[in-house]
């Protein structure tokens, strides 16, 4: 999801004038839109679906990294113990 600077950076005033166009752009391109005020970035508009997917991916990756760190530090349990803790057979 690379930002296309020629398309994805818009002035805040454009959002005020035509919010539907900005939202549609974010939904269609699946890229965040950077809002600017006086030439400086002030906010990002992103589709809700894309945001939720990013949050889920970030949480998953954090869990994977934590699991890898646990393994490196010797904090592990056997598969049978894990199943017991989770109530699985």
Foldseek 3Di string as FASTA:
>chain_A
DDDDVVPQEEEPVVCVVCVPVNQVVQVVVVDWHFYDDPPDTDDIDHDPVSVVVVVVVVVVVVVVVVVVVCVVVVNDDDPVVVCVVVVHD
